Amino acid sequence: MDRAYLKNILEQVAEGRMDTQKALEALKELPFQDIGFANIDQHRSIRIGQPETVFCEGKTPEQVAAIIDKMREKNSTVLGTRASAEVFQHVKTVVPEAVYYPEARMIVVKRKNEVFCSEKLIAVVTAGTSDIPVAEEAAITAESLGNPVDRIYDVGVAGIHRLLSKMDRLQAANVIIVVAGMEGALASVIGGLVGKPVIAVPTSVGYGASFGGIAALLAMLNSCAAGVAVVNIDNGFGAACLASKINQL
């Protein structure tokens, strides 16, 4: 249940187009909707400006489809992360307007045309091409939350000239999400070059001693560049939610 949905109900009551009993029925599922196997937080968008998102891993395709179907009734945007193609096919039968982004493994449902809440850019930067799936999760999430996004991919420190050639685009951004695996050095480099908030996302990309992204995570946490925040390994979604909140302050 987002602000637009709630505002529409209140306006109908104020104008006499809806009686109070019908309004109460429409609002009875605040703050959550119990559908048996899930308690859907329909109030979250009103509280924090971002709707609840469905983490699809660990849920059956039928459960994901049912949750998204209920959420789209009261939210203009619904996101599903870590979704397989099989899960999407189940969702699509129930919610025909659902769109799947296979590289990001994301399902997006929009009930209205996309309108950016901010003109300020969020830059999503990757060290390598292998980091793009996590970066796309961040980029699509940020766009779905109403932010314009500039994708700057494959500019890692092994060829630093590639990054330096994109300095004008980095400087134009209001917030920068840096997605990197291996040794995770790109976040520190960018943090030392620009005066913008940097949100670092370590990825599980790398050989044995990268320990599934732990090496990059520790490097980013120990960054000597001030103003670098770090989210969990492969958590492009979380980075985008933070970036959006900063961008829309």
Protein backbone atom coordinates (compact mmCIF):
# COMPACT_ATOMS: atom_id res chain seq x y z
CA MET A 1 0.00 0.00 0.00
CA ASP A 2 1.77 3.13 -1.19
CA ARG A 3 1.01 6.81 -0.63
CA ALA A 4 -0.85 7.14 -3.95
CA TYR A 5 -3.19 4.27 -3.03
CA LEU A 6 -3.88 5.73 0.41
CA LYS A 7 -4.33 9.27 -0.94
CA ASN A 8 -6.86 8.03 -3.49
CA ILE A 9 -8.97 6.41 -0.77
CA LEU A 10 -8.89 9.53 1.42
CA GLU A 11 -9.81 11.77 -1.52
CA GLN A 12 -12.77 9.56 -2.39
CA VAL A 13 -14.04 9.76 1.20
CA ALA A 14 -13.53 13.56 1.31
CA GLU A 15 -15.42 14.01 -1.96
CA GLY A 16 -18.26 11.69 -0.93
CA ARG A 17 -17.48 9.08 -3.58
CA MET A 18 -16.75 6.41 -0.96
CA ASP A 19 -18.41 5.87 2.39
CA THR A 20 -16.42 5.30 5.54
CA GLN A 21 -17.33 1.61 5.75
CA LYS A 22 -15.86 0.90 2.32
CA ALA A 23 -12.78 2.93 3.25
CA LEU A 24 -12.35 0.86 6.40
CA GLU A 25 -12.61 -2.32 4.32
CA ALA A 26 -9.93 -1.01 1.97
CA LEU A 27 -7.65 -0.18 4.90
CA LYS A 28 -8.33 -3.24 7.06
CA GLU A 29 -5.12 -4.95 5.97
CA LEU A 30 -2.92 -2.28 7.50
CA PRO A 31 -0.29 -2.84 8.76
CA PHE A 32 0.00 -6.33 7.19
CA GLN A 33 -1.95 -8.89 5.20
CA ASP A 34 -1.97 -12.50 6.43
CA ILE A 35 -2.19 -14.98 3.54
CA GLY A 36 -1.39 -18.06 5.61
CA PHE A 37 2.23 -18.78 4.67
CA ALA A 38 3.26 -15.10 4.62
CA ASN A 39 2.47 -11.83 6.37
CA ILE A 40 2.75 -9.17 3.69
CA ASP A 41 3.87 -5.75 4.97
CA GLN A 42 1.51 -3.60 2.88
CA HIS A 43 2.31 -0.57 5.04
CA ARG A 44 6.05 -0.46 4.37
CA SER A 45 5.89 1.91 1.40
CA ILE A 46 3.98 4.46 3.49
CA ARG A 47 6.46 4.19 6.38
CA ILE A 48 9.76 4.26 4.51
CA GLY A 49 8.94 5.18 0.91
CA GLN A 50 9.99 1.78 -0.46
CA PRO A 51 7.66 -1.21 -0.83
CA GLU A 52 8.37 -4.64 0.58
CA THR A 53 10.41 -6.73 -1.85
CA VAL A 54 10.03 -10.47 -2.36
CA PHE A 55 13.22 -12.50 -1.85
CA CYS A 56 12.34 -15.45 -4.08
CA GLU A 57 15.02 -17.96 -3.10
CA GLY A 58 13.72 -20.56 -0.66
CA LYS A 59 10.09 -19.97 -1.64
CA THR A 60 8.11 -22.17 -4.00
CA PRO A 61 7.07 -20.67 -7.35
CA GLU A 62 3.46 -20.83 -6.20
CA GLN A 63 4.25 -18.91 -3.01
CA VAL A 64 6.12 -16.19 -4.90
CA ALA A 65 3.28 -15.82 -7.40
CA ALA A 66 0.68 -15.54 -4.64
CA ILE A 67 2.70 -12.95 -2.69
CA ILE A 68 3.38 -10.77 -5.75
CA ASP A 69 -0.28 -11.02 -6.79
CA LYS A 70 -1.41 -9.70 -3.40
CA MET A 71 1.26 -7.02 -3.25
CA ARG A 72 0.48 -5.58 -6.67
CA GLU A 73 -3.11 -4.88 -5.57
CA LYS A 74 -1.92 -2.16 -3.21
CA ASN A 75 1.51 -1.13 -4.49
CA SER A 76 2.39 0.65 -7.72
CA THR A 77 5.76 -1.17 -7.87
CA VAL A 78 6.57 -4.71 -6.75
CA LEU A 79 10.04 -6.26 -6.93
CA GLY A 80 11.16 -9.88 -6.67
CA THR A 81 14.88 -10.61 -6.24
CA ARG A 82 16.86 -13.82 -6.81
CA ALA A 83 14.09 -15.13 -9.06
CA SER A 84 14.64 -18.03 -11.44
CA ALA A 85 13.02 -18.30 -14.87
CA GLU A 86 10.79 -21.04 -13.47
CA VAL A 87 9.54 -18.75 -10.71
CA PHE A 88 8.88 -15.99 -13.22
CA GLN A 89 6.76 -18.28 -15.40
CA HIS A 90 4.50 -18.97 -12.43
CA VAL A 91 4.28 -15.26 -11.60
CA LYS A 92 3.52 -14.40 -15.24
CA THR A 93 0.44 -16.63 -15.27
CA VAL A 94 -1.01 -14.72 -12.31
CA VAL A 95 0.43 -11.25 -13.00
CA PRO A 96 0.66 -10.81 -16.80
CA GLU A 97 2.30 -7.39 -16.57
CA ALA A 98 5.32 -8.81 -14.71
CA VAL A 99 8.69 -8.32 -16.44
CA TYR A 100 11.75 -10.54 -15.93
CA TYR A 101 15.38 -9.40 -16.04
CA PRO A 102 17.34 -12.67 -16.32
CA GLU A 103 20.82 -11.21 -15.81
CA ALA A 104 19.75 -9.57 -12.55
CA ARG A 105 17.37 -12.42 -11.68
CA MET A 106 14.69 -9.86 -10.90
CA ILE A 107 10.93 -9.64 -11.41
CA VAL A 108 9.43 -6.15 -11.70
CA VAL A 109 5.74 -5.30 -11.68
CA LYS A 110 4.65 -1.72 -12.36
CA ARG A 111 1.04 -0.53 -12.34
CA LYS A 112 1.88 2.88 -13.75
CA ASN A 113 4.42 4.44 -16.06
CA GLU A 114 7.84 5.03 -14.53
CA VAL A 115 8.28 8.52 -13.11
CA PHE A 116 11.64 9.45 -11.63
CA CYS A 117 11.37 10.84 -8.10
CA SER A 118 14.72 12.53 -8.52
CA GLU A 119 16.71 14.05 -11.36
CA LYS A 120 19.96 13.18 -9.58
CA LEU A 121 21.94 10.28 -11.00
CA ILE A 122 22.99 7.09 -9.29
CA ALA A 123 26.07 5.64 -10.99
CA VAL A 124 26.49 1.87 -10.87
CA VAL A 125 30.11 0.93 -11.54
CA THR A 126 31.66 -2.52 -11.93
CA ALA A 127 35.25 -3.65 -11.78
CA GLY A 128 34.68 -6.41 -14.33
CA THR A 129 32.10 -7.89 -16.67
CA SER A 130 31.63 -10.81 -14.26
CA ASP A 131 30.27 -8.35 -11.69
CA ILE A 132 27.45 -7.17 -13.98
CA PRO A 133 24.71 -9.52 -12.66
CA VAL A 134 25.03 -7.98 -9.18
CA ALA A 135 25.31 -4.50 -10.71
CA GLU A 136 22.14 -5.06 -12.73
CA GLU A 137 20.28 -6.04 -9.57
CA ALA A 138 21.37 -2.69 -8.14
CA ALA A 139 20.60 -0.71 -11.29
CA ILE A 140 17.12 -2.15 -11.86
CA THR A 141 16.24 -1.73 -8.19
CA ALA A 142 17.38 1.90 -8.22
CA GLU A 143 15.41 2.62 -11.39
CA SER A 144 12.32 0.92 -10.01
CA LEU A 145 12.56 3.14 -6.93
CA GLY A 146 12.47 6.24 -9.14
CA ASN A 147 16.11 7.08 -9.78
CA PRO A 148 17.91 7.66 -13.09
CA VAL A 149 20.90 5.33 -13.35
CA ASP A 150 24.19 5.57 -15.26
CA ARG A 151 25.82 2.18 -15.84
CA ILE A 152 29.63 2.27 -16.01
CA TYR A 153 30.87 -1.28 -16.45
CA ASP A 154 34.26 -3.03 -16.64
CA VAL A 155 36.52 -0.25 -15.37
CA GLY A 156 38.53 -2.15 -12.75
CA VAL A 157 41.94 -1.32 -11.35
CA ALA A 158 43.79 -3.78 -13.62
CA GLY A 159 43.37 -1.10 -16.30
CA ILE A 160 42.92 2.09 -14.30
CA HIS A 161 42.91 4.26 -17.46
CA ARG A 162 39.46 2.86 -18.24
CA LEU A 163 38.13 4.34 -15.01
CA LEU A 164 39.90 7.67 -15.43
CA SER A 165 38.30 8.12 -18.84
CA LYS A 166 34.88 8.04 -17.11
CA MET A 167 35.62 10.71 -14.49
CA ASP A 168 33.11 13.17 -15.95
CA ARG A 169 30.32 10.63 -15.51
CA LEU A 170 31.42 9.76 -11.98
CA GLN A 171 31.48 13.43 -11.02
CA ALA A 172 27.98 13.90 -12.49
CA ALA A 173 26.51 11.27 -10.18
CA ASN A 174 24.99 12.07 -6.80
CA VAL A 175 25.64 8.60 -5.35
CA ILE A 176 27.98 5.89 -6.65
CA ILE A 177 27.49 2.15 -6.21
CA VAL A 178 30.75 0.25 -6.78
CA VAL A 179 30.46 -3.47 -7.49
CA ALA A 180 33.71 -5.45 -7.38
CA GLY A 181 35.02 -8.92 -6.67
CA MET A 182 38.59 -10.25 -6.61
CA GLU A 183 40.46 -7.90 -4.23
CA GLY A 184 37.69 -5.29 -4.18
CA ALA A 185 40.06 -2.34 -4.66
CA LEU A 186 37.83 -0.32 -6.97
CA ALA A 187 35.70 1.09 -4.14
CA SER A 188 38.75 2.63 -2.43
CA VAL A 189 40.01 4.11 -5.69
CA ILE A 190 36.69 5.76 -6.51
CA GLY A 191 36.24 6.85 -2.90
CA GLY A 192 39.55 8.69 -3.16
CA LEU A 193 38.67 10.38 -6.45
CA VAL A 194 35.17 11.79 -5.95
CA GLY A 195 33.38 13.69 -3.22
CA LYS A 196 30.19 11.63 -3.44
CA PRO A 197 28.77 8.91 -1.19
CA VAL A 198 30.21 5.57 -2.31
CA ILE A 199 28.37 2.34 -1.56
CA ALA A 200 30.59 -0.69 -2.07
CA VAL A 201 29.21 -4.10 -3.01
CA PRO A 202 31.68 -6.99 -2.74
CA THR A 203 30.90 -9.84 -5.13
CA SER A 204 31.65 -13.54 -4.94
CA VAL A 205 33.67 -13.29 -8.18
CA GLY A 206 37.24 -14.56 -7.84
CA TYR A 207 39.57 -17.51 -7.40
CA GLY A 208 40.08 -19.66 -4.30
CA ALA A 209 41.55 -17.14 -1.86
CA SER A 210 38.74 -14.70 -2.58
CA PHE A 211 36.69 -17.02 -0.31
CA GLY A 212 33.43 -16.35 -2.13
CA GLY A 213 33.69 -12.58 -1.75
CA ILE A 214 35.03 -12.41 1.80
CA ALA A 215 38.38 -11.02 0.59
CA ALA A 216 36.64 -8.18 -1.26
CA LEU A 217 34.33 -7.57 1.70
CA LEU A 218 37.23 -7.22 4.13
CA ALA A 219 39.16 -4.99 1.72
CA MET A 220 36.16 -2.66 1.36
CA LEU A 221 35.55 -2.58 5.12
CA ASN A 222 39.20 -1.62 5.58
CA SER A 223 39.18 1.04 2.88
CA CYS A 224 41.43 4.02 3.63
CA ALA A 225 39.09 6.23 1.57
CA ALA A 226 36.65 8.13 3.79
CA GLY A 227 32.95 8.00 3.04
CA VAL A 228 32.73 4.44 1.72
CA ALA A 229 29.82 2.34 3.02
CA VAL A 230 29.76 -1.43 2.50
CA VAL A 231 26.85 -3.83 2.08
CA ASN A 232 26.81 -7.63 2.12
CA ILE A 233 28.37 -9.85 -0.53
CA ASP A 234 26.41 -9.78 -3.84
CA ASN A 235 23.76 -7.51 -2.28
CA GLY A 236 23.09 -5.17 -5.18
CA PHE A 237 19.52 -4.75 -3.98
CA GLY A 238 20.54 -3.46 -0.56
CA ALA A 239 23.04 -1.04 -2.08
CA ALA A 240 20.36 0.38 -4.38
CA CYS A 241 17.88 0.85 -1.52
CA LEU A 242 20.47 2.85 0.44
CA ALA A 243 21.50 4.83 -2.62
CA SER A 244 17.87 5.68 -3.37
CA LYS A 245 17.27 6.95 0.16
CA ILE A 246 20.35 9.16 -0.09
CA ASN A 247 19.38 10.34 -3.56
CA GLN A 248 15.85 11.31 -2.57
CA LEU A 249 16.65 13.15 0.67
